Protein backbone atom coordinates (compact mmCIF):
# COMPACT_ATOMS: atom_id res chain seq x y z
CA MET A 1 -8.74 -7.57 29.62
CA PRO A 2 -6.29 -6.66 32.43
CA GLY A 3 -3.88 -3.90 31.54
CA LEU A 4 -5.78 -2.33 28.61
CA PRO A 5 -4.93 1.37 28.26
CA GLU A 6 -7.29 3.92 29.76
CA GLY A 7 -9.76 5.16 27.18
CA HIS A 8 -9.95 1.74 25.52
CA LEU A 9 -11.43 -0.21 28.41
CA PRO A 10 -14.39 -2.53 27.91
CA GLN A 11 -17.67 -1.34 29.40
CA PRO A 12 -19.48 -4.51 30.43
CA PHE A 13 -22.24 -2.89 32.50
CA ASP A 14 -24.76 -2.26 29.74
CA ALA A 15 -28.51 -2.87 30.07
CA ALA A 16 -28.30 -6.46 28.80
CA PHE A 17 -25.55 -7.31 31.30
CA LEU A 18 -27.35 -5.71 34.25
CA ASP A 19 -30.65 -7.39 33.42
CA ASN A 20 -29.10 -10.70 34.45
CA PRO A 21 -25.48 -10.12 35.49
CA TYR A 22 -24.60 -13.58 36.79
CA PRO A 23 -23.71 -15.21 33.43
CA GLY A 24 -21.59 -12.15 32.63
CA TYR A 25 -19.77 -12.37 35.95
CA ALA A 26 -19.16 -16.09 35.36
CA GLN A 27 -17.57 -15.40 31.97
CA LEU A 28 -15.37 -12.62 33.35
CA ARG A 29 -14.43 -14.72 36.39
CA ASP A 30 -13.40 -17.65 34.18
CA GLU A 31 -11.21 -15.39 32.04
CA SER A 32 -9.36 -13.67 34.88
CA ALA A 33 -9.54 -13.05 38.62
CA VAL A 34 -9.35 -9.28 38.03
CA HIS A 35 -10.39 -7.10 35.09
CA GLN A 36 -9.79 -3.46 34.36
CA VAL A 37 -13.06 -2.12 32.95
CA ALA A 38 -14.89 1.19 32.65
CA LEU A 39 -18.20 2.25 34.13
CA SER A 40 -20.88 3.83 31.97
CA ASP A 41 -19.39 7.28 32.62
CA GLY A 42 -16.01 6.06 31.33
CA SER A 43 -14.26 6.02 34.71
CA PRO A 44 -11.86 3.07 35.07
CA ILE A 45 -12.15 0.49 37.84
CA TRP A 46 -10.43 -2.75 38.73
CA LEU A 47 -13.10 -5.42 39.14
CA VAL A 48 -12.26 -8.29 41.56
CA LEU A 49 -14.44 -11.34 40.89
CA ARG A 50 -13.31 -14.51 42.67
CA GLU A 51 -14.54 -15.32 46.16
CA GLU A 52 -11.10 -15.90 47.65
CA ASP A 53 -9.83 -12.51 46.44
CA VAL A 54 -13.00 -10.64 47.37
CA ARG A 55 -12.98 -12.07 50.89
CA ALA A 56 -9.31 -11.18 51.33
CA GLY A 57 -9.83 -7.71 49.87
CA LEU A 58 -12.55 -6.88 52.38
CA THR A 59 -10.02 -7.12 55.21
CA ASP A 60 -6.84 -5.94 53.45
CA PRO A 61 -5.60 -2.78 55.25
CA ARG A 62 -3.91 -1.64 52.03
CA LEU A 63 -7.33 -1.13 50.45
CA SER A 64 -8.65 2.11 51.91
CA VAL A 65 -12.32 3.12 51.91
CA ASN A 66 -11.34 6.76 52.46
CA LYS A 67 -11.96 8.85 49.32
CA ALA A 68 -8.88 10.94 50.20
CA HIS A 69 -6.79 8.06 48.80
CA SER A 70 -8.50 8.14 45.40
CA GLY A 71 -6.04 8.96 42.65
CA THR A 72 -8.85 10.16 40.39
CA GLY A 73 -10.41 12.69 42.75
CA TYR A 74 -13.51 10.56 43.34
CA LYS A 75 -15.99 12.48 45.54
CA GLY A 76 -18.81 9.97 45.86
CA PHE A 77 -22.34 10.90 46.84
CA SER A 78 -21.48 14.57 47.59
CA LEU A 79 -22.81 14.37 51.12
CA PRO A 80 -22.49 17.26 53.56
CA PRO A 81 -19.38 16.79 55.77
CA ALA A 82 -21.61 16.07 58.77
CA LEU A 83 -23.02 13.00 56.98
CA ASP A 84 -19.88 11.80 55.20
CA ALA A 85 -17.60 10.84 58.11
CA ASN A 86 -19.31 7.53 58.84
CA LEU A 87 -18.12 3.97 59.39
CA LEU A 88 -18.38 3.11 55.69
CA ASN A 89 -15.63 5.42 54.52
CA ILE A 90 -13.08 5.88 57.28
CA ASP A 91 -10.00 3.76 57.87
CA PRO A 92 -8.80 1.75 60.88
CA GLU A 93 -7.78 4.24 63.57
CA ASP A 94 -10.89 6.44 63.42
CA HIS A 95 -13.09 3.50 62.43
CA GLN A 96 -12.13 1.45 65.49
CA ARG A 97 -12.75 4.40 67.79
CA LEU A 98 -16.22 5.01 66.35
CA ARG A 99 -17.08 1.32 66.22
CA ARG A 100 -16.08 0.86 69.87
CA LEU A 101 -18.38 3.69 70.92
CA VAL A 102 -21.28 2.57 68.72
CA SER A 103 -20.96 -1.03 69.92
CA LYS A 104 -21.59 0.16 73.47
CA ALA A 105 -24.95 1.55 72.33
CA PHE A 106 -25.96 -0.94 69.62
CA THR A 107 -26.13 -3.93 71.95
CA ALA A 108 -27.73 -7.34 71.40
CA ARG A 109 -30.22 -6.49 74.15
CA ARG A 110 -31.27 -3.28 72.41
CA VAL A 111 -31.81 -5.15 69.14
CA GLU A 112 -33.78 -7.90 70.89
CA ASN A 113 -35.95 -5.28 72.57
CA LEU A 114 -37.04 -4.20 69.08
CA ARG A 115 -38.50 -7.62 68.28
CA GLY A 116 -41.96 -6.65 69.50
CA SER A 117 -42.07 -3.45 67.45
CA VAL A 118 -40.78 -5.30 64.36
CA ARG A 119 -43.56 -7.87 64.72
CA ALA A 120 -46.14 -5.12 65.19
CA ALA A 121 -44.91 -3.29 62.08
CA VAL A 122 -44.93 -6.50 60.01
CA ASP A 123 -48.46 -7.39 61.18
CA ARG A 124 -49.73 -3.89 60.38
CA LEU A 125 -48.28 -3.99 56.87
CA ALA A 126 -49.59 -7.54 56.33
CA ASP A 127 -53.04 -6.18 57.20
CA ASP A 128 -52.56 -3.48 54.56
CA LEU A 129 -51.49 -6.09 52.02
CA ALA A 130 -54.53 -8.23 52.82
CA GLY A 131 -56.79 -5.19 52.56
CA GLN A 132 -55.57 -4.60 49.02
CA GLY A 133 -55.94 -8.24 48.11
CA GLY A 134 -52.26 -8.39 47.29
CA GLU A 135 -51.23 -5.90 44.61
CA ASP A 136 -47.63 -4.67 44.98
CA LEU A 137 -45.53 -6.16 47.78
CA VAL A 138 -42.80 -3.53 47.39
CA SER A 139 -44.85 -0.37 47.94
CA THR A 140 -47.22 -1.93 50.48
CA PHE A 141 -44.85 -4.06 52.54
CA SER A 142 -41.11 -4.27 51.93
CA LEU A 143 -40.51 -0.55 51.23
CA PRO A 144 -42.20 0.87 54.36
CA LEU A 145 -41.17 -1.85 56.82
CA PRO A 146 -37.49 -0.92 57.37
CA LEU A 147 -38.41 2.75 57.64
CA MET A 148 -40.90 1.90 60.40
CA VAL A 149 -38.21 -0.09 62.21
CA ILE A 150 -35.61 2.68 61.87
CA GLY A 151 -38.24 5.16 63.03
CA ASP A 152 -38.66 3.10 66.20
CA LEU A 153 -34.91 2.63 66.60
CA LEU A 154 -34.28 6.39 66.47
CA ALA A 155 -37.62 7.27 68.13
CA VAL A 156 -38.67 9.55 65.27
CA PRO A 157 -41.85 11.34 66.43
CA GLU A 158 -45.01 9.89 64.89
CA ALA A 159 -46.00 13.29 63.50
CA ASP A 160 -42.75 13.46 61.51
CA ARG A 161 -42.63 9.91 60.14
CA ARG A 162 -44.56 10.46 56.93
CA ARG A 163 -42.33 13.28 55.66
CA PHE A 164 -39.27 11.47 57.00
CA SER A 165 -40.23 8.38 54.94
CA THR A 166 -40.88 10.52 51.86
CA TRP A 167 -37.41 12.06 52.03
CA VAL A 168 -35.78 8.65 52.42
CA SER A 169 -37.74 7.23 49.47
CA ASN A 170 -36.78 10.23 47.33
CA MET A 171 -33.12 9.75 48.25
CA LEU A 172 -33.05 6.00 47.58
CA THR A 173 -35.33 5.89 44.52
CA PRO A 174 -35.14 9.41 43.05
CA GLU A 175 -36.81 10.67 39.91
CA SER A 176 -34.05 13.24 39.35
CA PRO A 177 -30.64 14.29 40.77
CA ARG A 178 -32.31 17.39 42.21
CA GLN A 179 -34.63 15.17 44.23
CA ILE A 180 -31.63 13.44 45.80
CA LYS A 181 -30.04 16.76 46.75
CA GLU A 182 -33.24 18.10 48.30
CA ALA A 183 -33.87 14.84 50.18
CA VAL A 184 -30.35 14.74 51.63
CA GLU A 185 -30.61 18.38 52.73
CA ASN A 186 -33.96 17.73 54.41
CA ILE A 187 -32.72 14.59 56.15
CA HIS A 188 -29.57 16.38 57.30
CA THR A 189 -31.57 19.23 58.86
CA PHE A 190 -34.05 16.80 60.39
CA LEU A 191 -31.30 14.71 62.02
CA LEU A 192 -29.56 17.81 63.38
CA ASP A 193 -32.83 18.89 65.01
CA LEU A 194 -33.51 15.36 66.27
CA VAL A 195 -30.08 15.13 67.94
CA ALA A 196 -30.58 18.55 69.55
CA ALA A 197 -34.03 17.59 70.85
CA ARG A 198 -32.76 14.28 72.20
CA ARG A 199 -29.91 15.98 74.04
CA ASP A 200 -32.52 17.96 75.95
CA ALA A 201 -34.55 14.87 76.80
CA LEU A 202 -32.75 11.53 76.58
CA GLY A 203 -34.93 8.49 76.07
CA ASP A 204 -34.49 4.75 75.66
CA ASP A 205 -33.80 4.89 71.92
CA MET A 206 -30.63 4.28 69.93
CA LEU A 207 -29.93 7.97 69.34
CA SER A 208 -30.12 8.70 73.08
CA ALA A 209 -27.76 5.79 73.73
CA LEU A 210 -25.27 7.16 71.19
CA ILE A 211 -25.44 10.59 72.82
CA ALA A 212 -24.87 9.14 76.28
CA VAL A 213 -22.13 6.64 75.43
CA ARG A 214 -18.65 7.22 76.83
CA ASP A 215 -15.39 5.30 76.53
CA GLU A 216 -12.60 6.43 78.88
CA GLY A 217 -13.85 9.99 78.57
CA ASP A 218 -14.26 9.79 74.78
CA GLN A 219 -17.65 10.50 73.23
CA LEU A 220 -19.19 11.09 69.83
CA THR A 221 -19.04 14.56 68.29
CA GLU A 222 -22.12 16.26 66.86
CA ASN A 223 -21.11 15.45 63.28
CA GLU A 224 -20.38 11.83 64.22
CA LEU A 225 -23.81 11.48 65.83
CA VAL A 226 -25.57 12.87 62.77
CA SER A 227 -23.50 10.80 60.32
CA LEU A 228 -24.13 7.61 62.31
CA ALA A 229 -27.87 8.28 62.38
CA PHE A 230 -27.72 8.83 58.60
CA LEU A 231 -25.79 5.57 58.14
CA LEU A 232 -28.37 3.66 60.20
CA LEU A 233 -31.03 5.16 57.98
CA MET A 234 -29.28 4.31 54.70
CA ALA A 235 -27.93 0.86 55.52
CA GLY A 236 -30.92 -0.13 57.62
CA SER A 237 -33.47 0.81 54.97
CA GLU A 238 -32.23 0.00 51.50
CA ASN A 239 -30.79 -3.49 51.89
CA ALA A 240 -33.66 -4.86 53.99
CA GLN A 241 -36.25 -3.43 51.60
CA HIS A 242 -34.69 -5.05 48.57
CA LEU A 243 -33.83 -8.37 50.19
CA ILE A 244 -37.37 -8.92 51.48
CA SER A 245 -38.73 -8.40 47.96
CA ALA A 246 -36.05 -10.41 46.14
CA GLY A 247 -36.09 -13.04 48.87
CA LEU A 248 -39.79 -13.64 48.57
CA VAL A 249 -39.58 -13.83 44.76
CA THR A 250 -36.76 -16.36 45.09
CA LEU A 251 -38.71 -18.47 47.57
CA LEU A 252 -41.87 -18.47 45.47
CA GLN A 253 -39.86 -19.91 42.57
CA HIS A 254 -38.91 -22.85 44.81
CA PRO A 255 -42.28 -24.11 46.11
CA GLU A 256 -40.85 -27.33 47.53
CA GLN A 257 -38.55 -25.31 49.80
CA VAL A 258 -41.41 -22.97 50.76
CA ALA A 259 -43.38 -26.05 51.82
CA GLU A 260 -40.47 -27.07 54.04
CA LEU A 261 -40.32 -23.61 55.62
CA ARG A 262 -44.04 -23.63 56.34
CA ALA A 263 -43.79 -27.09 57.90
CA ASP A 264 -40.67 -26.24 59.92
CA PRO A 265 -40.20 -22.52 60.72
CA GLY A 266 -36.92 -23.44 62.42
CA LEU A 267 -35.40 -23.64 58.94
CA LEU A 268 -36.01 -19.94 58.28
CA PRO A 269 -32.71 -18.60 59.70
CA GLU A 270 -30.81 -20.93 57.35
CA ALA A 271 -33.02 -19.87 54.45
CA VAL A 272 -32.25 -16.20 55.15
CA GLU A 273 -28.51 -16.91 55.10
CA GLU A 274 -28.88 -18.58 51.71
CA LEU A 275 -30.93 -15.61 50.48
CA LEU A 276 -28.17 -13.26 51.61
CA ARG A 277 -25.79 -15.22 49.38
CA PHE A 278 -28.11 -15.83 46.46
CA ALA A 279 -30.28 -12.71 46.22
CA HIS A 280 -28.53 -9.87 48.04
CA PRO A 281 -29.14 -6.56 46.23
CA ASN A 282 -25.59 -5.23 46.54
CA GLN A 283 -23.50 -6.30 43.57
CA MET A 284 -20.37 -4.57 44.85
CA ALA A 285 -18.78 -3.66 48.16
CA ILE A 286 -18.03 0.02 48.74
CA ARG A 287 -15.18 1.40 46.59
CA ARG A 288 -11.66 0.90 47.81
CA PHE A 289 -8.41 2.67 46.93
CA PRO A 290 -4.97 1.03 47.32
CA ILE A 291 -2.68 3.14 49.50
CA GLU A 292 0.27 1.47 47.75
CA PRO A 293 0.72 -0.70 44.64
CA ILE A 294 -0.95 -4.04 45.31
CA GLU A 295 -1.31 -7.44 43.65
CA ILE A 296 -4.72 -9.13 43.60
CA GLY A 297 -5.29 -12.43 41.82
CA GLY A 298 -1.96 -12.11 40.02
CA THR A 299 -2.79 -8.61 38.70
CA GLN A 300 -0.81 -5.51 39.66
CA ILE A 301 -3.01 -2.57 40.64
CA PRO A 302 -1.50 0.91 41.16
CA ALA A 303 -1.96 3.06 44.25
CA GLY A 304 -4.99 5.37 44.10
CA ALA A 305 -6.88 3.23 41.57
CA THR A 306 -10.52 2.35 42.17
CA VAL A 307 -11.02 -1.27 43.22
CA MET A 308 -14.49 -2.82 43.23
CA LEU A 309 -14.91 -6.10 45.11
CA CYS A 310 -17.75 -7.89 43.35
CA LEU A 311 -19.91 -9.59 45.98
CA ALA A 312 -22.40 -10.93 43.44
CA SER A 313 -19.64 -12.71 41.53
CA ALA A 314 -18.01 -14.04 44.70
CA HIS A 315 -21.33 -15.48 45.86
CA ARG A 316 -21.67 -17.45 42.61
CA ASP A 317 -18.05 -18.68 42.50
CA PRO A 318 -18.13 -22.49 41.95
CA LYS A 319 -14.70 -22.82 43.56
CA ARG A 320 -16.35 -21.84 46.85
CA TYR A 321 -19.98 -22.89 46.47
CA PRO A 322 -20.99 -26.14 44.72
CA SER A 323 -23.76 -25.48 42.16
CA PRO A 324 -23.69 -21.76 43.09
CA ASP A 325 -26.57 -20.77 40.79
CA GLU A 326 -28.95 -23.07 42.66
CA PHE A 327 -30.92 -21.78 45.65
CA ASP A 328 -30.75 -24.34 48.45
CA ILE A 329 -31.81 -23.66 52.04
CA HIS A 330 -29.92 -26.84 53.04
CA ARG A 331 -26.62 -25.67 51.57
CA GLU A 332 -23.84 -26.58 54.00
CA ASP A 333 -21.53 -23.63 53.31
CA LYS A 334 -23.51 -20.41 53.71
CA ALA A 335 -20.56 -18.24 54.79
CA HIS A 336 -21.46 -15.28 52.56
CA LEU A 337 -20.02 -11.76 52.38
CA ALA A 338 -23.34 -9.89 52.13
CA LEU A 339 -22.95 -8.24 55.54
CA GLY A 340 -19.27 -7.42 55.17
CA GLN A 341 -16.17 -8.91 56.67
CA GLY A 342 -13.68 -7.98 59.35
CA MET A 343 -13.59 -4.36 60.49
CA HIS A 344 -16.42 -3.37 58.16
CA TYR A 345 -18.80 -6.16 59.22
CA CYS A 346 -22.29 -4.68 59.50
CA LEU A 347 -23.08 -3.61 63.07
CA GLY A 348 -26.78 -3.85 62.25
CA ALA A 349 -26.56 -7.46 61.03
CA PRO A 350 -28.61 -8.92 63.93
CA LEU A 351 -31.39 -6.39 63.34
CA ALA A 352 -31.39 -7.01 59.58
CA ARG A 353 -31.62 -10.78 60.10
CA MET A 354 -34.43 -10.39 62.62
CA GLU A 355 -36.39 -8.07 60.35
CA ILE A 356 -36.08 -10.29 57.26
CA GLN A 357 -36.91 -13.47 59.18
CA ILE A 358 -40.04 -12.02 60.79
CA ALA A 359 -41.19 -10.49 57.49
CA LEU A 360 -40.81 -13.69 55.46
CA HIS A 361 -42.23 -15.91 58.22
CA THR A 362 -45.34 -13.73 58.45
CA LEU A 363 -45.87 -13.60 54.69
CA LEU A 364 -45.48 -17.35 54.22
CA HIS A 365 -47.70 -18.36 57.15
CA ARG A 366 -50.37 -15.68 57.06
CA PHE A 367 -50.91 -16.10 53.32
CA PRO A 368 -50.63 -19.84 52.52
CA GLN A 369 -51.72 -19.24 48.91
CA LEU A 370 -49.34 -16.31 48.33
CA ASP A 371 -47.94 -16.32 44.80
CA LEU A 372 -46.61 -14.01 42.11
CA ALA A 373 -49.31 -12.38 40.01
CA VAL A 374 -47.04 -12.30 36.94
CA PRO A 375 -44.38 -14.67 35.59
CA PRO A 376 -40.95 -14.01 37.18
CA GLN A 377 -39.47 -12.96 33.83
CA GLN A 378 -41.95 -10.06 33.67
CA LEU A 379 -40.72 -8.50 36.92
CA GLN A 380 -38.82 -5.26 36.37
CA TRP A 381 -35.55 -4.47 38.10
CA ARG A 382 -33.97 -1.16 39.00
CA THR A 383 -30.37 -1.90 38.07
CA SER A 384 -26.93 -0.35 38.29
CA PHE A 385 -23.44 -1.79 38.53
CA ARG A 386 -23.78 -1.40 42.32
CA SER A 387 -27.18 -2.95 43.04
CA ARG A 388 -30.28 -4.73 41.74
CA ALA A 389 -33.69 -3.99 43.20
CA LEU A 390 -37.19 -4.96 42.14
CA LYS A 391 -39.36 -2.01 41.13
CA ALA A 392 -42.55 -3.86 42.03
CA VAL A 393 -43.68 -7.36 42.99
CA PRO A 394 -47.32 -7.96 42.04
CA VAL A 395 -48.67 -10.76 44.22
CA THR A 396 -51.93 -12.59 44.65
CA LEU A 397 -53.21 -13.87 47.99
CA ARG A 398 -55.94 -16.02 46.39
């Protein structure tokens, strides 16, 4: 496949592939470390599949995340400028400055102080789930939980949380492109107003800490504050939502390991690390663009091309993980790439781990008879070449 002329590239990401992509990734990975393929819209990408190359690519300074280096004029999500200049798509000099400032506010102590509110949110949603006798785990539990946590992190006023949650849901799971545009506009305006209000009355929340942080006289600009709040909202909501759902489905298909987790809750952190490898929703890392011609896995890639580092393939690479398609909470090597690597390692990783651990622990121990209400093969997935997320998870509490 490598080197096929543009316009004649294979398009592997059809519905059948996305329904269960792992066999497809295995076949591609066996054929070549890198493939040039086309997305469904015909745009060409270079797909990097082997764990060694993906891990190296995540920290290679020649692979820029800045869309300005795209040779095809890629514009991305069409965010307002105030939301677009965030840590996900800026390169080292500006990234390190922002990360240094954010790290002063996003401390381990601040995350640990959220533990009580995370437990309270999980218990409240577990009550709702019990009140319904089960039904859908996604809409009742895993979808609202991260939004409640982010609401606490940013101290979103209680009166605003319902509409805030609606906008986020419409942005992440839209029914139309117009719905995305309207949701982004509403969130942008809301965050601008929230930053302005917080400037007038600083509190003990993350947004206040970001406003107050200083580093040798440097501080965050208004646009940087708003874009960081938006990033916390995006990254802190979507991945946790999907991993709680997919994680529980994975666990329920391995009852012997669930029994171990119920008998020894101390195993849960290790189980979550294996879930991050085995069931993480993100199939790809964020797009990268070579700032110069580069060789990956023996393949020459031109400057400005679009490079996609395939996390899902890397996490199932047998050269790194023995029996990679098996879920095993006792796996010795759990050094996954789900939370990034190097400069782009997720600042919110401790919060994400805490949230997922508390959620799964509560579900497994509060509902000892918890099970899927339908066979796993009947579950429906919302799929794209970037991510896989369960639309619903019908459960029974018996």
